[in-house]
Amino acid sequence: MSEANLTIQDVKEGDALPELSVDVTATTIVLGALATRDWRPMHHDYDFAVNRNGTRNIFLNTPNQAAWFERYVTDWTGPKGRLGRIKFRMKDSVFPDDTMVFHGSVAGVDAEAGWVDLEMELTVGDKVVTGCTARMALPKDGDDNPWSRTGNDWKP
């Protein structure tokens, strides 16, 4: 991804976000679970995940997936991009040795308010693992910073 500093004038509906590809390891999964204080064993104990839960391995937890989507969109927007809201639906799990690939596009632009609506997918191979929508605040111009918006100026 690039060192972007997008403004709302830089994007239009239908624009594709650059793809992000991440090779997942057991460490990726365990560290994500630890960082989110998720001590449930299916995210770090292979024997528990396979023999008790019936999955093929440990798997990425929900907050870790949310963090990867946030990284994906903020890599695209640059440091002034501010996540207003995110919704996603996990359809399958992400395991060690998978390659996560994030794809996205601009679904709508409200230039006056400084909002961009995004539609994204997380795929592993040919399978969509998670579908996601997000609303991002972008600077209206070079002097604007969405991180300073409050009250009526911040309505995701």
N, C-alpha and C. Protein backbone atom coordinates (compact mmCIF):
# COMPACT_ATOMS: atom_id res chain seq x y z
N MET A 1 0.84 -1.18 0.00
CA MET A 1 0.00 0.00 0.00
C MET A 1 0.89 1.24 0.00
N SER A 2 0.32 2.34 -0.42
CA SER A 2 1.09 3.58 -0.53
C SER A 2 0.96 4.42 0.73
N GLU A 3 1.82 5.42 0.81
CA GLU A 3 1.75 6.41 1.88
C GLU A 3 0.76 7.47 1.43
N ALA A 4 -0.52 7.17 1.46
CA ALA A 4 -1.55 8.05 0.94
C ALA A 4 -1.90 9.14 1.95
N ASN A 5 -2.39 10.21 1.45
CA ASN A 5 -3.00 11.28 2.23
C ASN A 5 -4.20 11.76 1.43
N LEU A 6 -5.16 10.86 1.25
CA LEU A 6 -6.31 11.15 0.40
C LEU A 6 -7.17 12.27 0.97
N THR A 7 -7.76 13.05 0.08
CA THR A 7 -8.83 13.96 0.44
C THR A 7 -10.07 13.47 -0.29
N ILE A 8 -11.21 14.02 0.11
CA ILE A 8 -12.47 13.57 -0.48
C ILE A 8 -12.51 13.80 -1.99
N GLN A 9 -11.75 14.81 -2.48
CA GLN A 9 -11.72 15.08 -3.93
C GLN A 9 -10.95 14.02 -4.71
N ASP A 10 -10.15 13.22 -4.01
CA ASP A 10 -9.33 12.20 -4.67
C ASP A 10 -10.10 10.91 -4.99
N VAL A 11 -11.32 10.77 -4.47
CA VAL A 11 -12.03 9.50 -4.65
C VAL A 11 -13.37 9.72 -5.33
N LYS A 12 -13.79 8.67 -6.04
CA LYS A 12 -15.13 8.70 -6.63
C LYS A 12 -15.75 7.31 -6.52
N GLU A 13 -17.06 7.29 -6.59
CA GLU A 13 -17.78 6.03 -6.51
C GLU A 13 -17.27 5.08 -7.58
N GLY A 14 -17.04 3.83 -7.21
CA GLY A 14 -16.55 2.82 -8.13
C GLY A 14 -15.05 2.62 -8.08
N ASP A 15 -14.32 3.57 -7.46
CA ASP A 15 -12.87 3.39 -7.34
C ASP A 15 -12.54 2.11 -6.60
N ALA A 16 -11.54 1.39 -7.07
CA ALA A 16 -11.08 0.18 -6.39
C ALA A 16 -9.97 0.54 -5.40
N LEU A 17 -10.01 -0.07 -4.23
CA LEU A 17 -8.91 0.07 -3.28
C LEU A 17 -7.83 -0.92 -3.69
N PRO A 18 -6.57 -0.58 -3.42
CA PRO A 18 -5.50 -1.55 -3.72
C PRO A 18 -5.69 -2.81 -2.87
N GLU A 19 -5.36 -3.94 -3.45
CA GLU A 19 -5.44 -5.21 -2.73
C GLU A 19 -4.40 -5.26 -1.62
N LEU A 20 -4.75 -5.93 -0.53
CA LEU A 20 -3.79 -6.22 0.54
C LEU A 20 -3.76 -7.72 0.73
N SER A 21 -2.58 -8.30 0.63
CA SER A 21 -2.40 -9.74 0.79
C SER A 21 -1.53 -9.99 2.02
N VAL A 22 -2.00 -10.90 2.88
CA VAL A 22 -1.30 -11.19 4.13
C VAL A 22 -1.21 -12.71 4.30
N ASP A 23 0.01 -13.22 4.44
CA ASP A 23 0.20 -14.64 4.76
C ASP A 23 0.00 -14.82 6.26
N VAL A 24 -0.94 -15.69 6.61
CA VAL A 24 -1.30 -15.90 8.01
C VAL A 24 -0.48 -17.04 8.59
N THR A 25 0.06 -16.81 9.77
CA THR A 25 0.78 -17.84 10.51
C THR A 25 0.07 -18.08 11.84
N ALA A 26 0.46 -19.11 12.53
CA ALA A 26 -0.08 -19.34 13.88
C ALA A 26 0.24 -18.14 14.77
N THR A 27 1.39 -17.55 14.58
CA THR A 27 1.78 -16.37 15.37
C THR A 27 0.83 -15.21 15.10
N THR A 28 0.44 -14.99 13.85
CA THR A 28 -0.53 -13.94 13.51
C THR A 28 -1.81 -14.13 14.32
N ILE A 29 -2.27 -15.35 14.40
CA ILE A 29 -3.52 -15.66 15.08
C ILE A 29 -3.39 -15.52 16.59
N VAL A 30 -2.33 -16.09 17.15
CA VAL A 30 -2.13 -16.05 18.60
C VAL A 30 -1.90 -14.62 19.08
N LEU A 31 -1.05 -13.87 18.39
CA LEU A 31 -0.79 -12.49 18.82
C LEU A 31 -2.04 -11.62 18.71
N GLY A 32 -2.87 -11.86 17.69
CA GLY A 32 -4.13 -11.12 17.58
C GLY A 32 -5.07 -11.44 18.73
N ALA A 33 -5.13 -12.70 19.10
CA ALA A 33 -5.98 -13.08 20.24
C ALA A 33 -5.46 -12.47 21.54
N LEU A 34 -4.14 -12.51 21.72
CA LEU A 34 -3.56 -11.92 22.93
C LEU A 34 -3.80 -10.41 22.98
N ALA A 35 -3.60 -9.74 21.85
CA ALA A 35 -3.77 -8.29 21.81
C ALA A 35 -5.20 -7.87 22.13
N THR A 36 -6.16 -8.73 21.83
CA THR A 36 -7.56 -8.41 22.09
C THR A 36 -8.08 -9.08 23.36
N ARG A 37 -7.15 -9.66 24.12
CA ARG A 37 -7.47 -10.32 25.41
C ARG A 37 -8.52 -11.42 25.24
N ASP A 38 -8.40 -12.13 24.16
CA ASP A 38 -9.30 -13.24 23.88
C ASP A 38 -8.57 -14.52 24.26
N TRP A 39 -8.87 -15.04 25.44
CA TRP A 39 -8.14 -16.20 25.97
C TRP A 39 -8.79 -17.52 25.57
N ARG A 40 -9.85 -17.47 24.77
CA ARG A 40 -10.51 -18.72 24.38
C ARG A 40 -9.53 -19.61 23.61
N PRO A 41 -9.46 -20.88 24.01
CA PRO A 41 -8.40 -21.75 23.49
C PRO A 41 -8.44 -22.05 22.00
N MET A 42 -9.58 -21.85 21.34
CA MET A 42 -9.61 -22.14 19.90
C MET A 42 -8.77 -21.18 19.09
N HIS A 43 -8.24 -20.12 19.73
CA HIS A 43 -7.39 -19.16 19.05
C HIS A 43 -5.90 -19.32 19.36
N HIS A 44 -5.58 -20.35 20.19
CA HIS A 44 -4.16 -20.58 20.48
C HIS A 44 -3.81 -22.04 20.78
N ASP A 45 -4.79 -22.89 21.00
CA ASP A 45 -4.54 -24.28 21.36
C ASP A 45 -5.00 -25.20 20.23
N TYR A 46 -4.04 -25.71 19.48
CA TYR A 46 -4.35 -26.56 18.32
C TYR A 46 -5.20 -27.76 18.72
N ASP A 47 -4.82 -28.47 19.77
CA ASP A 47 -5.55 -29.67 20.19
C ASP A 47 -7.00 -29.34 20.53
N PHE A 48 -7.21 -28.25 21.25
CA PHE A 48 -8.58 -27.84 21.60
C PHE A 48 -9.37 -27.50 20.34
N ALA A 49 -8.78 -26.70 19.45
CA ALA A 49 -9.47 -26.27 18.24
C ALA A 49 -9.88 -27.46 17.38
N VAL A 50 -8.96 -28.41 17.22
CA VAL A 50 -9.22 -29.55 16.32
C VAL A 50 -10.08 -30.61 17.00
N ASN A 51 -9.71 -31.04 18.18
CA ASN A 51 -10.38 -32.17 18.82
C ASN A 51 -11.65 -31.81 19.57
N ARG A 52 -11.75 -30.62 20.08
CA ARG A 52 -12.96 -30.24 20.81
C ARG A 52 -13.92 -29.45 19.93
N ASN A 53 -13.37 -28.53 19.13
CA ASN A 53 -14.24 -27.70 18.29
C ASN A 53 -14.47 -28.27 16.90
N GLY A 54 -13.64 -29.20 16.48
CA GLY A 54 -13.81 -29.82 15.18
C GLY A 54 -13.37 -28.96 14.01
N THR A 55 -12.53 -27.95 14.28
CA THR A 55 -12.00 -27.13 13.18
C THR A 55 -10.68 -27.74 12.73
N ARG A 56 -10.14 -27.25 11.62
CA ARG A 56 -8.90 -27.84 11.11
C ARG A 56 -7.66 -27.29 11.78
N ASN A 57 -7.80 -26.18 12.56
CA ASN A 57 -6.64 -25.58 13.21
C ASN A 57 -7.16 -24.44 14.09
N ILE A 58 -6.26 -23.73 14.77
CA ILE A 58 -6.65 -22.50 15.45
C ILE A 58 -7.08 -21.50 14.38
N PHE A 59 -7.86 -20.49 14.75
CA PHE A 59 -8.36 -19.55 13.74
C PHE A 59 -8.43 -18.14 14.28
N LEU A 60 -8.40 -17.19 13.34
CA LEU A 60 -8.42 -15.76 13.63
C LEU A 60 -9.70 -15.38 14.36
N ASN A 61 -9.58 -14.57 15.43
CA ASN A 61 -10.77 -14.17 16.16
C ASN A 61 -11.41 -12.92 15.54
N THR A 62 -12.58 -12.58 16.01
CA THR A 62 -13.37 -11.48 15.44
C THR A 62 -12.67 -10.13 15.57
N PRO A 63 -12.20 -9.72 16.76
CA PRO A 63 -11.52 -8.42 16.84
C PRO A 63 -10.27 -8.33 15.98
N ASN A 64 -9.58 -9.44 15.79
CA ASN A 64 -8.39 -9.45 14.93
C ASN A 64 -8.81 -9.18 13.48
N GLN A 65 -9.89 -9.79 13.04
CA GLN A 65 -10.38 -9.50 11.68
C GLN A 65 -10.77 -8.04 11.55
N ALA A 66 -11.45 -7.49 12.56
CA ALA A 66 -11.82 -6.07 12.53
C ALA A 66 -10.58 -5.20 12.39
N ALA A 67 -9.53 -5.54 13.12
CA ALA A 67 -8.28 -4.77 13.07
C ALA A 67 -7.64 -4.85 11.69
N TRP A 68 -7.69 -6.00 11.05
CA TRP A 68 -7.13 -6.13 9.70
C TRP A 68 -7.92 -5.28 8.71
N PHE A 69 -9.25 -5.25 8.83
CA PHE A 69 -10.04 -4.38 7.95
C PHE A 69 -9.70 -2.91 8.20
N GLU A 70 -9.56 -2.54 9.46
CA GLU A 70 -9.21 -1.15 9.75
C GLU A 70 -7.84 -0.80 9.18
N ARG A 71 -6.89 -1.70 9.30
CA ARG A 71 -5.58 -1.46 8.71
C ARG A 71 -5.70 -1.30 7.19
N TYR A 72 -6.52 -2.16 6.58
CA TYR A 72 -6.70 -2.11 5.14
C TYR A 72 -7.19 -0.73 4.70
N VAL A 73 -8.22 -0.21 5.34
CA VAL A 73 -8.78 1.07 4.91
C VAL A 73 -7.87 2.25 5.28
N THR A 74 -7.19 2.18 6.41
CA THR A 74 -6.32 3.30 6.78
C THR A 74 -5.02 3.29 5.98
N ASP A 75 -4.57 2.12 5.53
CA ASP A 75 -3.45 2.09 4.58
C ASP A 75 -3.85 2.83 3.30
N TRP A 76 -5.09 2.69 2.90
CA TRP A 76 -5.58 3.34 1.69
C TRP A 76 -5.74 4.84 1.89
N THR A 77 -6.34 5.26 3.00
CA THR A 77 -6.63 6.68 3.21
C THR A 77 -5.42 7.49 3.63
N GLY A 78 -4.50 6.87 4.35
CA GLY A 78 -3.42 7.62 4.99
C GLY A 78 -3.82 7.98 6.41
N PRO A 79 -2.93 8.66 7.14
CA PRO A 79 -3.14 8.88 8.57
C PRO A 79 -4.32 9.78 8.93
N LYS A 80 -4.83 10.57 8.00
CA LYS A 80 -5.97 11.44 8.33
C LYS A 80 -7.31 10.76 8.10
N GLY A 81 -7.32 9.59 7.49
CA GLY A 81 -8.56 8.85 7.34
C GLY A 81 -9.02 8.36 8.70
N ARG A 82 -10.31 8.54 8.98
CA ARG A 82 -10.86 8.16 10.30
C ARG A 82 -12.06 7.26 10.10
N LEU A 83 -11.99 6.09 10.70
CA LEU A 83 -13.08 5.12 10.60
C LEU A 83 -14.27 5.60 11.42
N GLY A 84 -15.41 5.73 10.74
CA GLY A 84 -16.63 6.15 11.42
C GLY A 84 -17.44 4.97 11.92
N ARG A 85 -17.56 3.96 11.07
CA ARG A 85 -18.26 2.73 11.48
C ARG A 85 -17.84 1.61 10.55
N ILE A 86 -18.03 0.41 11.06
CA ILE A 86 -17.67 -0.79 10.29
C ILE A 86 -18.67 -1.88 10.65
N LYS A 87 -19.07 -2.64 9.65
CA LYS A 87 -19.94 -3.81 9.85
C LYS A 87 -19.37 -4.93 9.02
N PHE A 88 -19.30 -6.11 9.61
CA PHE A 88 -18.84 -7.23 8.81
C PHE A 88 -19.51 -8.51 9.26
N ARG A 89 -19.53 -9.46 8.32
CA ARG A 89 -20.12 -10.77 8.59
C ARG A 89 -19.11 -11.83 8.20
N MET A 90 -18.71 -12.60 9.20
CA MET A 90 -17.75 -13.68 8.98
C MET A 90 -18.53 -14.91 8.50
N LYS A 91 -18.09 -15.45 7.36
CA LYS A 91 -18.77 -16.60 6.76
C LYS A 91 -17.96 -17.88 6.95
N ASP A 92 -16.66 -17.73 7.19
CA ASP A 92 -15.78 -18.87 7.37
C ASP A 92 -14.58 -18.41 8.18
N SER A 93 -13.72 -19.32 8.53
CA SER A 93 -12.56 -19.00 9.38
C SER A 93 -11.30 -18.79 8.56
N VAL A 94 -10.34 -18.10 9.19
CA VAL A 94 -9.01 -17.90 8.62
C VAL A 94 -8.04 -18.67 9.50
N PHE A 95 -7.25 -19.55 8.87
CA PHE A 95 -6.37 -20.47 9.57
C PHE A 95 -4.90 -20.18 9.25
N PRO A 96 -3.98 -20.74 10.05
CA PRO A 96 -2.57 -20.65 9.69
C PRO A 96 -2.34 -21.24 8.29
N ASP A 97 -1.41 -20.68 7.58
CA ASP A 97 -1.05 -21.06 6.21
C ASP A 97 -2.05 -20.56 5.16
N ASP A 98 -3.12 -19.86 5.58
CA ASP A 98 -4.00 -19.20 4.62
C ASP A 98 -3.34 -17.89 4.18
N THR A 99 -3.72 -17.42 3.03
CA THR A 99 -3.35 -16.07 2.59
C THR A 99 -4.62 -15.25 2.53
N MET A 100 -4.71 -14.26 3.41
CA MET A 100 -5.86 -13.35 3.40
C MET A 100 -5.62 -12.31 2.31
N VAL A 101 -6.65 -12.07 1.50
CA VAL A 101 -6.57 -11.02 0.49
C VAL A 101 -7.79 -10.11 0.68
N PHE A 102 -7.49 -8.83 0.89
CA PHE A 102 -8.53 -7.83 1.08
C PHE A 102 -8.75 -7.10 -0.24
N HIS A 103 -10.03 -6.98 -0.61
CA HIS A 103 -10.45 -6.27 -1.82
C HIS A 103 -11.49 -5.25 -1.38
N GLY A 104 -11.55 -4.13 -2.07
CA GLY A 104 -12.58 -3.15 -1.72
C GLY A 104 -12.83 -2.17 -2.83
N SER A 105 -13.96 -1.47 -2.70
CA SER A 105 -14.28 -0.40 -3.64
C SER A 105 -15.09 0.67 -2.93
N VAL A 106 -15.10 1.83 -3.54
CA VAL A 106 -15.86 2.97 -3.02
C VAL A 106 -17.31 2.79 -3.47
N ALA A 107 -18.22 2.70 -2.50
CA ALA A 107 -19.63 2.50 -2.80
C ALA A 107 -20.39 3.83 -2.87
N GLY A 108 -19.84 4.86 -2.25
CA GLY A 108 -20.50 6.16 -2.26
C GLY A 108 -19.60 7.23 -1.69
N VAL A 109 -19.83 8.47 -2.12
CA VAL A 109 -19.04 9.61 -1.66
C VAL A 109 -19.99 10.75 -1.31
N ASP A 110 -19.87 11.28 -0.10
CA ASP A 110 -20.57 12.48 0.31
C ASP A 110 -19.50 13.57 0.48
N ALA A 111 -19.20 14.26 -0.61
CA ALA A 111 -18.09 15.22 -0.61
C ALA A 111 -18.33 16.38 0.35
N GLU A 112 -19.57 16.83 0.47
CA GLU A 112 -19.87 17.97 1.34
C GLU A 112 -19.58 17.64 2.81
N ALA A 113 -19.94 16.44 3.23
CA ALA A 113 -19.73 16.03 4.62
C ALA A 113 -18.37 15.37 4.85
N GLY A 114 -17.71 14.94 3.77
CA GLY A 114 -16.39 14.31 3.91
C GLY A 114 -16.43 12.82 4.23
N TRP A 115 -17.47 12.12 3.76
CA TRP A 115 -17.63 10.69 4.04
C TRP A 115 -17.49 9.85 2.78
N VAL A 116 -16.89 8.68 2.94
CA VAL A 116 -16.76 7.70 1.88
C VAL A 116 -17.31 6.38 2.41
N ASP A 117 -18.20 5.76 1.66
CA ASP A 117 -18.72 4.43 2.00
C ASP A 117 -17.96 3.39 1.19
N LEU A 118 -17.54 2.34 1.87
CA LEU A 118 -16.73 1.30 1.24
C LEU A 118 -17.42 -0.05 1.36
N GLU A 119 -17.21 -0.89 0.34
CA GLU A 119 -17.62 -2.29 0.36
C GLU A 119 -16.37 -3.11 0.17
N MET A 120 -16.17 -4.10 1.07
CA MET A 120 -14.93 -4.88 1.04
C MET A 120 -15.22 -6.35 1.25
N GLU A 121 -14.23 -7.15 0.86
CA GLU A 121 -14.27 -8.59 1.08
C GLU A 121 -12.89 -9.05 1.53
N LEU A 122 -12.91 -10.03 2.39
CA LEU A 122 -11.70 -10.76 2.76
C LEU A 122 -11.86 -12.14 2.15
N THR A 123 -10.92 -12.50 1.27
CA THR A 123 -10.98 -13.80 0.63
C THR A 123 -9.77 -14.64 1.02
N VAL A 124 -9.98 -15.93 0.99
CA VAL A 124 -8.91 -16.93 1.12
C VAL A 124 -9.10 -17.85 -0.07
N GLY A 125 -8.14 -17.83 -0.97
CA GLY A 125 -8.31 -18.58 -2.22
C GLY A 125 -9.46 -17.97 -2.99
N ASP A 126 -10.38 -18.80 -3.46
CA ASP A 126 -11.54 -18.32 -4.22
C ASP A 126 -12.76 -18.07 -3.34
N LYS A 127 -12.59 -18.23 -2.03
CA LYS A 127 -13.72 -18.16 -1.11
C LYS A 127 -13.77 -16.82 -0.38
N VAL A 128 -14.96 -16.19 -0.39
CA VAL A 128 -15.16 -14.99 0.42
C VAL A 128 -15.38 -15.45 1.86
N VAL A 129 -14.47 -15.07 2.73
CA VAL A 129 -14.51 -15.47 4.14
C VAL A 129 -15.31 -14.46 4.96
N THR A 130 -15.16 -13.17 4.63
CA THR A 130 -15.84 -12.12 5.37
C THR A 130 -16.22 -11.00 4.41
N GLY A 131 -17.45 -10.53 4.53
CA GLY A 131 -17.91 -9.35 3.80
C GLY A 131 -17.96 -8.18 4.78
N CYS A 132 -17.67 -6.98 4.28
CA CYS A 132 -17.54 -5.84 5.17
C CYS A 132 -17.98 -4.55 4.49
N THR A 133 -18.60 -3.66 5.25
CA THR A 133 -18.86 -2.30 4.81
C THR A 133 -18.27 -1.36 5.86
N ALA A 134 -17.85 -0.20 5.41
CA ALA A 134 -17.29 0.78 6.33
C ALA A 134 -17.63 2.18 5.85
N ARG A 135 -17.64 3.10 6.79
CA ARG A 135 -17.83 4.52 6.50
C ARG A 135 -16.61 5.24 7.04
N MET A 136 -15.89 5.89 6.10
CA MET A 136 -14.64 6.57 6.44
C MET A 136 -14.79 8.07 6.25
N ALA A 137 -14.23 8.80 7.20
CA ALA A 137 -14.14 10.26 7.06
C ALA A 137 -12.80 10.57 6.42
N LEU A 138 -12.84 11.39 5.38
CA LEU A 138 -11.63 11.87 4.71
C LEU A 138 -11.58 13.39 4.81
N PRO A 139 -10.38 13.94 4.77
CA PRO A 139 -10.28 15.41 4.76
C PRO A 139 -11.02 15.98 3.54
N LYS A 140 -11.72 17.08 3.75
CA LYS A 140 -12.40 17.75 2.64
C LYS A 140 -11.41 18.48 1.75
N ASP A 141 -10.30 18.89 2.35
CA ASP A 141 -9.22 19.54 1.61
C ASP A 141 -7.94 19.38 2.43
N GLY A 142 -6.84 19.98 1.98
CA GLY A 142 -5.56 19.81 2.64
C GLY A 142 -5.49 20.39 4.05
N ASP A 143 -6.43 21.29 4.39
CA ASP A 143 -6.43 21.91 5.72
C ASP A 143 -7.35 21.20 6.72
N ASP A 144 -8.18 20.31 6.23
CA ASP A 144 -9.17 19.63 7.09
C ASP A 144 -8.55 18.37 7.70
N ASN A 145 -8.96 18.05 8.91
CA ASN A 145 -8.53 16.82 9.57
C ASN A 145 -9.74 16.18 10.25
N PRO A 146 -10.22 15.03 9.74
CA PRO A 146 -11.38 14.37 10.34
C PRO A 146 -11.20 14.03 11.83
N TRP A 147 -9.96 13.92 12.27
CA TRP A 147 -9.72 13.60 13.68
C TRP A 147 -10.09 14.75 14.60
N SER A 148 -10.29 15.94 14.06
CA SER A 148 -10.68 17.08 14.89
C SER A 148 -12.20 17.32 14.87
N ARG A 149 -12.93 16.52 14.11
CA ARG A 149 -14.39 16.67 14.04
C ARG A 149 -15.03 16.13 15.31
N THR A 150 -15.97 16.91 15.85
CA THR A 150 -16.71 16.51 17.05
C THR A 150 -18.16 16.96 16.91
N GLY A 151 -18.99 16.54 17.83
CA GLY A 151 -20.39 16.99 17.87
C GLY A 151 -21.11 16.80 16.56
N ASN A 152 -21.75 17.87 16.08
CA ASN A 152 -22.50 17.79 14.83
C ASN A 152 -21.65 17.58 13.61
N ASP A 153 -20.34 17.83 13.74
CA ASP A 153 -19.43 17.59 12.62
C ASP A 153 -19.00 16.13 12.53
N TRP A 154 -19.36 15.33 13.53
CA TRP A 154 -18.98 13.91 13.54
C TRP A 154 -20.24 13.07 13.68
N LYS A 155 -20.79 12.68 12.54
CA LYS A 155 -21.99 11.86 12.52
C LYS A 155 -21.83 10.73 11.51
N PRO A 156 -21.13 9.68 11.92
CA PRO A 156 -20.91 8.58 10.98
C PRO A 156 -22.20 7.86 10.65
